[in-house]
Amino acid sequence: MELADEAGRQTDAVGVQAARLRVDTRKWVASRLLPKKYGDRASLNVGGQADNPPTFADLARRSRGEEAAR
């Protein structure tokens, strides 16, 4: 038995789970078809702060063992 409110939205647990599954499936398909736009975001933050990430020069100096000139 499906229950719906005045706007036609699902209100029973089975209907809600079915709708959630449809949305999750569409998100999965979109992430496979257009990974740059809808794929998982890989965040690479090596020792910097979120608002001040290290530059390539900083990372190169660090890999050579040099102190950062600041």
PDB file of N, CA and C in Angstrom:
ATOM      1  N   MET A   1       0.849  -1.175   0.000  1.00  0.00           N
ATOM      2  CA  MET A   1       0.000   0.000   0.000  1.00  0.00           C
ATOM      3  C   MET A   1       0.893   1.235   0.000  1.00  0.00           C
ATOM      4  N   GLU A   2       0.722   2.070  -1.012  1.00  0.00           N
ATOM      5  CA  GLU A   2       1.505   3.288  -1.098  1.00  0.00           C
ATOM      6  C   GLU A   2       0.759   4.433  -0.427  1.00  0.00           C
ATOM      7  N   LEU A   3       1.491   5.190   0.330  1.00  0.00           N
ATOM      8  CA  LEU A   3       0.943   6.380   0.956  1.00  0.00           C
ATOM      9  C   LEU A   3       1.619   7.593   0.340  1.00  0.00           C
ATOM     10  N   ALA A   4       0.861   8.617   0.069  1.00  0.00           N
ATOM     11  CA  ALA A   4       1.416   9.834  -0.511  1.00  0.00           C
ATOM     12  C   ALA A   4       0.775  11.038   0.166  1.00  0.00           C
ATOM     13  N   ASP A   5       1.507  12.125   0.257  1.00  0.00           N
ATOM     14  CA  ASP A   5       0.945  13.344   0.823  1.00  0.00           C
ATOM     15  C   ASP A   5       0.237  14.134  -0.283  1.00  0.00           C
ATOM     16  N   GLU A   6      -0.168  15.358   0.009  1.00  0.00           N
ATOM     17  CA  GLU A   6      -0.927  16.166  -0.950  1.00  0.00           C
ATOM     18  C   GLU A   6      -0.142  16.436  -2.233  1.00  0.00           C
ATOM     19  N   ALA A   7       1.177  16.547  -2.142  1.00  0.00           N
ATOM     20  CA  ALA A   7       2.007  16.854  -3.307  1.00  0.00           C
ATOM     21  C   ALA A   7       2.382  15.602  -4.088  1.00  0.00           C
ATOM     22  N   GLY A   8       1.953  14.437  -3.645  1.00  0.00           N
ATOM     23  CA  GLY A   8       2.244  13.201  -4.352  1.00  0.00           C
ATOM     24  C   GLY A   8       3.561  12.559  -3.963  1.00  0.00           C
ATOM     25  N   ARG A   9       4.190  13.039  -2.910  1.00  0.00           N
ATOM     26  CA  ARG A   9       5.454  12.459  -2.464  1.00  0.00           C
ATOM     27  C   ARG A   9       5.212  11.207  -1.639  1.00  0.00           C
ATOM     28  N   GLN A  10       6.152  10.275  -1.722  1.00  0.00           N
ATOM     29  CA  GLN A  10       6.052   9.025  -0.965  1.00  0.00           C
ATOM     30  C   GLN A  10       6.224   9.312   0.524  1.00  0.00           C
ATOM     31  N   THR A  11       5.388   8.692   1.345  1.00  0.00           N
ATOM     32  CA  THR A  11       5.515   8.879   2.784  1.00  0.00           C
ATOM     33  C   THR A  11       5.718   7.571   3.524  1.00  0.00           C
ATOM     34  N   ASP A  12       5.569   6.413   2.846  1.00  0.00           N
ATOM     35  CA  ASP A  12       5.806   5.149   3.533  1.00  0.00           C
ATOM     36  C   ASP A  12       7.275   4.761   3.387  1.00  0.00           C
ATOM     37  N   ALA A  13       7.756   3.914   4.260  1.00  0.00           N
ATOM     38  CA  ALA A  13       9.180   3.566   4.305  1.00  0.00           C
ATOM     39  C   ALA A  13       9.640   2.871   3.027  1.00  0.00           C
ATOM     40  N   VAL A  14       8.832   2.012   2.471  1.00  0.00           N
ATOM     41  CA  VAL A  14       9.221   1.285   1.260  1.00  0.00           C
ATOM     42  C   VAL A  14       9.343   2.251   0.080  1.00  0.00           C
ATOM     43  N   GLY A  15       8.417   3.159  -0.048  1.00  0.00           N
ATOM     44  CA  GLY A  15       8.466   4.140  -1.136  1.00  0.00           C
ATOM     45  C   GLY A  15       9.662   5.064  -1.015  1.00  0.00           C
ATOM     46  N   VAL A  16       9.969   5.461   0.207  1.00  0.00           N
ATOM     47  CA  VAL A  16      11.121   6.331   0.432  1.00  0.00           C
ATOM     48  C   VAL A  16      12.414   5.603   0.076  1.00  0.00           C
ATOM     49  N   GLN A  17      12.541   4.353   0.487  1.00  0.00           N
ATOM     50  CA  GLN A  17      13.741   3.581   0.163  1.00  0.00           C
ATOM     51  C   GLN A  17      13.862   3.368  -1.340  1.00  0.00           C
ATOM     52  N   ALA A  18      12.757   3.119  -2.025  1.00  0.00           N
ATOM     53  CA  ALA A  18      12.785   2.931  -3.477  1.00  0.00           C
ATOM     54  C   ALA A  18      13.230   4.212  -4.177  1.00  0.00           C
ATOM     55  N   ALA A  19      12.728   5.350  -3.707  1.00  0.00           N
ATOM     56  CA  ALA A  19      13.130   6.629  -4.293  1.00  0.00           C
ATOM     57  C   ALA A  19      14.617   6.886  -4.037  1.00  0.00           C
ATOM     58  N   ARG A  20      15.089   6.576  -2.836  1.00  0.00           N
ATOM     59  CA  ARG A  20      16.499   6.764  -2.512  1.00  0.00           C
ATOM     60  C   ARG A  20      17.384   5.882  -3.396  1.00  0.00           C
ATOM     61  N   LEU A  21      16.953   4.645  -3.628  1.00  0.00           N
ATOM     62  CA  LEU A  21      17.702   3.744  -4.490  1.00  0.00           C
ATOM     63  C   LEU A  21      17.777   4.277  -5.921  1.00  0.00           C
ATOM     64  N   ARG A  22      16.663   4.838  -6.428  1.00  0.00           N
ATOM     65  CA  ARG A  22      16.669   5.411  -7.778  1.00  0.00           C
ATOM     66  C   ARG A  22      17.653   6.566  -7.871  1.00  0.00           C
ATOM     67  N   VAL A  23      17.671   7.436  -6.868  1.00  0.00           N
ATOM     68  CA  VAL A  23      18.583   8.575  -6.872  1.00  0.00           C
ATOM     69  C   VAL A  23      20.028   8.104  -6.781  1.00  0.00           C
ATOM     70  N   ASP A  24      20.319   7.168  -5.889  1.00  0.00           N
ATOM     71  CA  ASP A  24      21.684   6.666  -5.743  1.00  0.00           C
ATOM     72  C   ASP A  24      22.164   5.987  -7.018  1.00  0.00           C
ATOM     73  N   THR A  25      21.276   5.280  -7.693  1.00  0.00           N
ATOM     74  CA  THR A  25      21.641   4.623  -8.945  1.00  0.00           C
ATOM     75  C   THR A  25      21.959   5.655 -10.013  1.00  0.00           C
ATOM     76  N   ARG A  26      21.164   6.696 -10.100  1.00  0.00           N
ATOM     77  CA  ARG A  26      21.424   7.761 -11.080  1.00  0.00           C
ATOM     78  C   ARG A  26      22.743   8.464 -10.785  1.00  0.00           C
ATOM     79  N   LYS A  27      23.048   8.693  -9.501  1.00  0.00           N
ATOM     80  CA  LYS A  27      24.328   9.312  -9.148  1.00  0.00           C
ATOM     81  C   LYS A  27      25.491   8.407  -9.528  1.00  0.00           C
ATOM     82  N   TRP A  28      25.348   7.098  -9.318  1.00  0.00           N
ATOM     83  CA  TRP A  28      26.405   6.150  -9.664  1.00  0.00           C
ATOM     84  C   TRP A  28      26.651   6.144 -11.172  1.00  0.00           C
ATOM     85  N   VAL A  29      25.569   6.098 -11.951  1.00  0.00           N
ATOM     86  CA  VAL A  29      25.705   6.102 -13.416  1.00  0.00           C
ATOM     87  C   VAL A  29      26.350   7.404 -13.878  1.00  0.00           C
ATOM     88  N   ALA A  30      25.931   8.526 -13.321  1.00  0.00           N
ATOM     89  CA  ALA A  30      26.514   9.813 -13.706  1.00  0.00           C
ATOM     90  C   ALA A  30      28.002   9.863 -13.373  1.00  0.00           C
ATOM     91  N   SER A  31      28.403   9.285 -12.241  1.00  0.00           N
ATOM     92  CA  SER A  31      29.824   9.304 -11.866  1.00  0.00           C
ATOM     93  C   SER A  31      30.660   8.451 -12.807  1.00  0.00           C
ATOM     94  N   ARG A  32      30.048   7.431 -13.428  1.00  0.00           N
ATOM     95  CA  ARG A  32      30.780   6.587 -14.381  1.00  0.00           C
ATOM     96  C   ARG A  32      30.825   7.223 -15.765  1.00  0.00           C
ATOM     97  N   LEU A  33      29.767   7.919 -16.152  1.00  0.00           N
ATOM     98  CA  LEU A  33      29.717   8.523 -17.483  1.00  0.00           C
ATOM     99  C   LEU A  33      30.500   9.836 -17.554  1.00  0.00           C
ATOM    100  N   LEU A  34      30.440  10.644 -16.505  1.00  0.00           N
ATOM    101  CA  LEU A  34      31.137  11.934 -16.459  1.00  0.00           C
ATOM    102  C   LEU A  34      31.910  12.050 -15.145  1.00  0.00           C
ATOM    103  N   PRO A  35      33.035  11.322 -15.021  1.00  0.00           N
ATOM    104  CA  PRO A  35      33.740  11.298 -13.737  1.00  0.00           C
ATOM    105  C   PRO A  35      34.332  12.649 -13.330  1.00  0.00           C
ATOM    106  N   LYS A  36      34.717  13.490 -14.292  1.00  0.00           N
ATOM    107  CA  LYS A  36      35.290  14.788 -13.921  1.00  0.00           C
ATOM    108  C   LYS A  36      34.266  15.688 -13.261  1.00  0.00           C
ATOM    109  N   LYS A  37      33.025  15.570 -13.684  1.00  0.00           N
ATOM    110  CA  LYS A  37      31.978  16.426 -13.128  1.00  0.00           C
ATOM    111  C   LYS A  37      31.292  15.795 -11.925  1.00  0.00           C
ATOM    112  N   TYR A  38      30.985  14.487 -12.001  1.00  0.00           N
ATOM    113  CA  TYR A  38      30.181  13.839 -10.974  1.00  0.00           C
ATOM    114  C   TYR A  38      30.929  12.799 -10.150  1.00  0.00           C
ATOM    115  N   GLY A  39      32.213  12.565 -10.437  1.00  0.00           N
ATOM    116  CA  GLY A  39      32.962  11.544  -9.721  1.00  0.00           C
ATOM    117  C   GLY A  39      33.352  11.988  -8.323  1.00  0.00           C
ATOM    118  N   ASP A  40      33.925  11.064  -7.575  1.00  0.00           N
ATOM    119  CA  ASP A  40      34.396  11.381  -6.238  1.00  0.00           C
ATOM    120  C   ASP A  40      35.553  12.355  -6.331  1.00  0.00           C
ATOM    121  N   ARG A  41      35.576  13.301  -5.453  1.00  0.00           N
ATOM    122  CA  ARG A  41      36.643  14.298  -5.450  1.00  0.00           C
ATOM    123  C   ARG A  41      37.812  13.759  -4.640  1.00  0.00           C
ATOM    124  N   ALA A  42      38.985  13.735  -5.251  1.00  0.00           N
ATOM    125  CA  ALA A  42      40.192  13.322  -4.546  1.00  0.00           C
ATOM    126  C   ALA A  42      40.889  14.588  -4.062  1.00  0.00           C
ATOM    127  N   SER A  43      41.059  14.697  -2.783  1.00  0.00           N
ATOM    128  CA  SER A  43      41.693  15.868  -2.201  1.00  0.00           C
ATOM    129  C   SER A  43      43.126  15.529  -1.816  1.00  0.00           C
ATOM    130  N   LEU A  44      44.070  16.313  -2.336  1.00  0.00           N
ATOM    131  CA  LEU A  44      45.468  16.104  -2.018  1.00  0.00           C
ATOM    132  C   LEU A  44      45.968  17.347  -1.311  1.00  0.00           C
ATOM    133  N   ASN A  45      46.199  17.227  -0.024  1.00  0.00           N
ATOM    134  CA  ASN A  45      46.683  18.336   0.769  1.00  0.00           C
ATOM    135  C   ASN A  45      47.870  17.819   1.563  1.00  0.00           C
ATOM    136  N   VAL A  46      49.065  18.152   1.124  1.00  0.00           N
ATOM    137  CA  VAL A  46      50.278  17.631   1.732  1.00  0.00           C
ATOM    138  C   VAL A  46      50.887  18.715   2.614  1.00  0.00           C
ATOM    139  N   GLY A  47      50.558  18.695   3.861  1.00  0.00           N
ATOM    140  CA  GLY A  47      51.184  19.573   4.833  1.00  0.00           C
ATOM    141  C   GLY A  47      50.739  21.014   4.814  1.00  0.00           C
ATOM    142  N   GLY A  48      49.908  21.416   3.914  1.00  0.00           N
ATOM    143  CA  GLY A  48      49.451  22.798   3.881  1.00  0.00           C
ATOM    144  C   GLY A  48      48.111  22.946   4.560  1.00  0.00           C
ATOM    145  N   GLN A  49      47.705  24.157   4.733  1.00  0.00           N
ATOM    146  CA  GLN A  49      46.386  24.408   5.287  1.00  0.00           C
ATOM    147  C   GLN A  49      45.397  24.489   4.139  1.00  0.00           C
ATOM    148  N   ALA A  50      44.152  24.286   4.418  1.00  0.00           N
ATOM    149  CA  ALA A  50      43.132  24.262   3.369  1.00  0.00           C
ATOM    150  C   ALA A  50      43.073  25.584   2.611  1.00  0.00           C
ATOM    151  N   ASP A  51      43.214  26.716   3.310  1.00  0.00           N
ATOM    152  CA  ASP A  51      43.133  28.006   2.633  1.00  0.00           C
ATOM    153  C   ASP A  51      44.489  28.480   2.108  1.00  0.00           C
ATOM    154  N   ASN A  52      45.585  27.780   2.434  1.00  0.00           N
ATOM    155  CA  ASN A  52      46.912  28.160   1.980  1.00  0.00           C
ATOM    156  C   ASN A  52      47.706  26.900   1.623  1.00  0.00           C
ATOM    157  N   PRO A  53      47.372  26.259   0.501  1.00  0.00           N
ATOM    158  CA  PRO A  53      48.065  25.013   0.155  1.00  0.00           C
ATOM    159  C   PRO A  53      49.512  25.280  -0.250  1.00  0.00           C
ATOM    160  N   PRO A  54      50.392  24.304  -0.070  1.00  0.00           N
ATOM    161  CA  PRO A  54      51.786  24.505  -0.453  1.00  0.00           C
ATOM    162  C   PRO A  54      51.926  24.596  -1.965  1.00  0.00           C
ATOM    163  N   THR A  55      52.906  25.358  -2.409  1.00  0.00           N
ATOM    164  CA  THR A  55      53.166  25.484  -3.837  1.00  0.00           C
ATOM    165  C   THR A  55      54.052  24.333  -4.281  1.00  0.00           C
ATOM    166  N   PHE A  56      54.213  24.182  -5.581  1.00  0.00           N
ATOM    167  CA  PHE A  56      55.079  23.139  -6.109  1.00  0.00           C
ATOM    168  C   PHE A  56      56.511  23.356  -5.631  1.00  0.00           C
ATOM    169  N   ALA A  57      56.955  24.613  -5.591  1.00  0.00           N
ATOM    170  CA  ALA A  57      58.309  24.918  -5.135  1.00  0.00           C
ATOM    171  C   ALA A  57      58.498  24.497  -3.674  1.00  0.00           C
ATOM    172  N   ASP A  58      57.486  24.725  -2.838  1.00  0.00           N
ATOM    173  CA  ASP A  58      57.564  24.300  -1.433  1.00  0.00           C
ATOM    174  C   ASP A  58      57.711  22.784  -1.336  1.00  0.00           C
ATOM    175  N   LEU A  59      56.934  22.065  -2.130  1.00  0.00           N
ATOM    176  CA  LEU A  59      57.003  20.608  -2.100  1.00  0.00           C
ATOM    177  C   LEU A  59      58.337  20.100  -2.622  1.00  0.00           C
ATOM    178  N   ALA A  60      58.888  20.757  -3.649  1.00  0.00           N
ATOM    179  CA  ALA A  60      60.184  20.347  -4.194  1.00  0.00           C
ATOM    180  C   ALA A  60      61.285  20.568  -3.167  1.00  0.00           C
ATOM    181  N   ARG A  61      61.269  21.732  -2.487  1.00  0.00           N
ATOM    182  CA  ARG A  61      62.274  21.997  -1.449  1.00  0.00           C
ATOM    183  C   ARG A  61      62.168  20.978  -0.325  1.00  0.00           C
ATOM    184  N   ARG A  62      60.942  20.662   0.061  1.00  0.00           N
ATOM    185  CA  ARG A  62      60.729  19.714   1.149  1.00  0.00           C
ATOM    186  C   ARG A  62      61.238  18.318   0.758  1.00  0.00           C
ATOM    187  N   SER A  63      61.040  17.927  -0.496  1.00  0.00           N
ATOM    188  CA  SER A  63      61.494  16.608  -0.915  1.00  0.00           C
ATOM    189  C   SER A  63      63.013  16.527  -0.976  1.00  0.00           C
ATOM    190  N   ARG A  64      63.691  17.670  -1.220  1.00  0.00           N
ATOM    191  CA  ARG A  64      65.162  17.685  -1.227  1.00  0.00           C
ATOM    192  C   ARG A  64      65.731  17.867   0.175  1.00  0.00           C
ATOM    193  N   GLY A  65      64.872  18.122   1.153  1.00  0.00           N
ATOM    194  CA  GLY A  65      65.327  18.279   2.529  1.00  0.00           C
ATOM    195  C   GLY A  65      65.717  19.693   2.885  1.00  0.00           C
ATOM    196  N   GLU A  66      65.417  20.633   2.035  1.00  0.00           N
ATOM    197  CA  GLU A  66      65.759  22.043   2.293  1.00  0.00           C
ATOM    198  C   GLU A  66      64.681  22.679   3.145  1.00  0.00           C
ATOM    199  N   GLU A  67      65.071  23.677   3.899  1.00  0.00           N
ATOM    200  CA  GLU A  67      64.108  24.452   4.693  1.00  0.00           C
ATOM    201  C   GLU A  67      63.414  25.449   3.780  1.00  0.00           C
ATOM    202  N   ALA A  68      62.149  25.700   4.056  1.00  0.00           N
ATOM    203  CA  ALA A  68      61.396  26.666   3.261  1.00  0.00           C
ATOM    204  C   ALA A  68      61.843  28.072   3.621  1.00  0.00           C
ATOM    205  N   ALA A  69      62.093  28.882   2.602  1.00  0.00           N
ATOM    206  CA  ALA A  69      62.496  30.279   2.822  1.00  0.00           C
ATOM    207  C   ALA A  69      61.233  31.099   3.007  1.00  0.00           C
ATOM    208  N   ARG A  70      61.078  31.636   4.201  1.00  0.00           N
ATOM    209  CA  ARG A  70      59.882  32.437   4.487  1.00  0.00           C
ATOM    210  C   ARG A  70      60.260  33.733   5.106  1.00  0.00           C
TER     211      ARG A  70
END
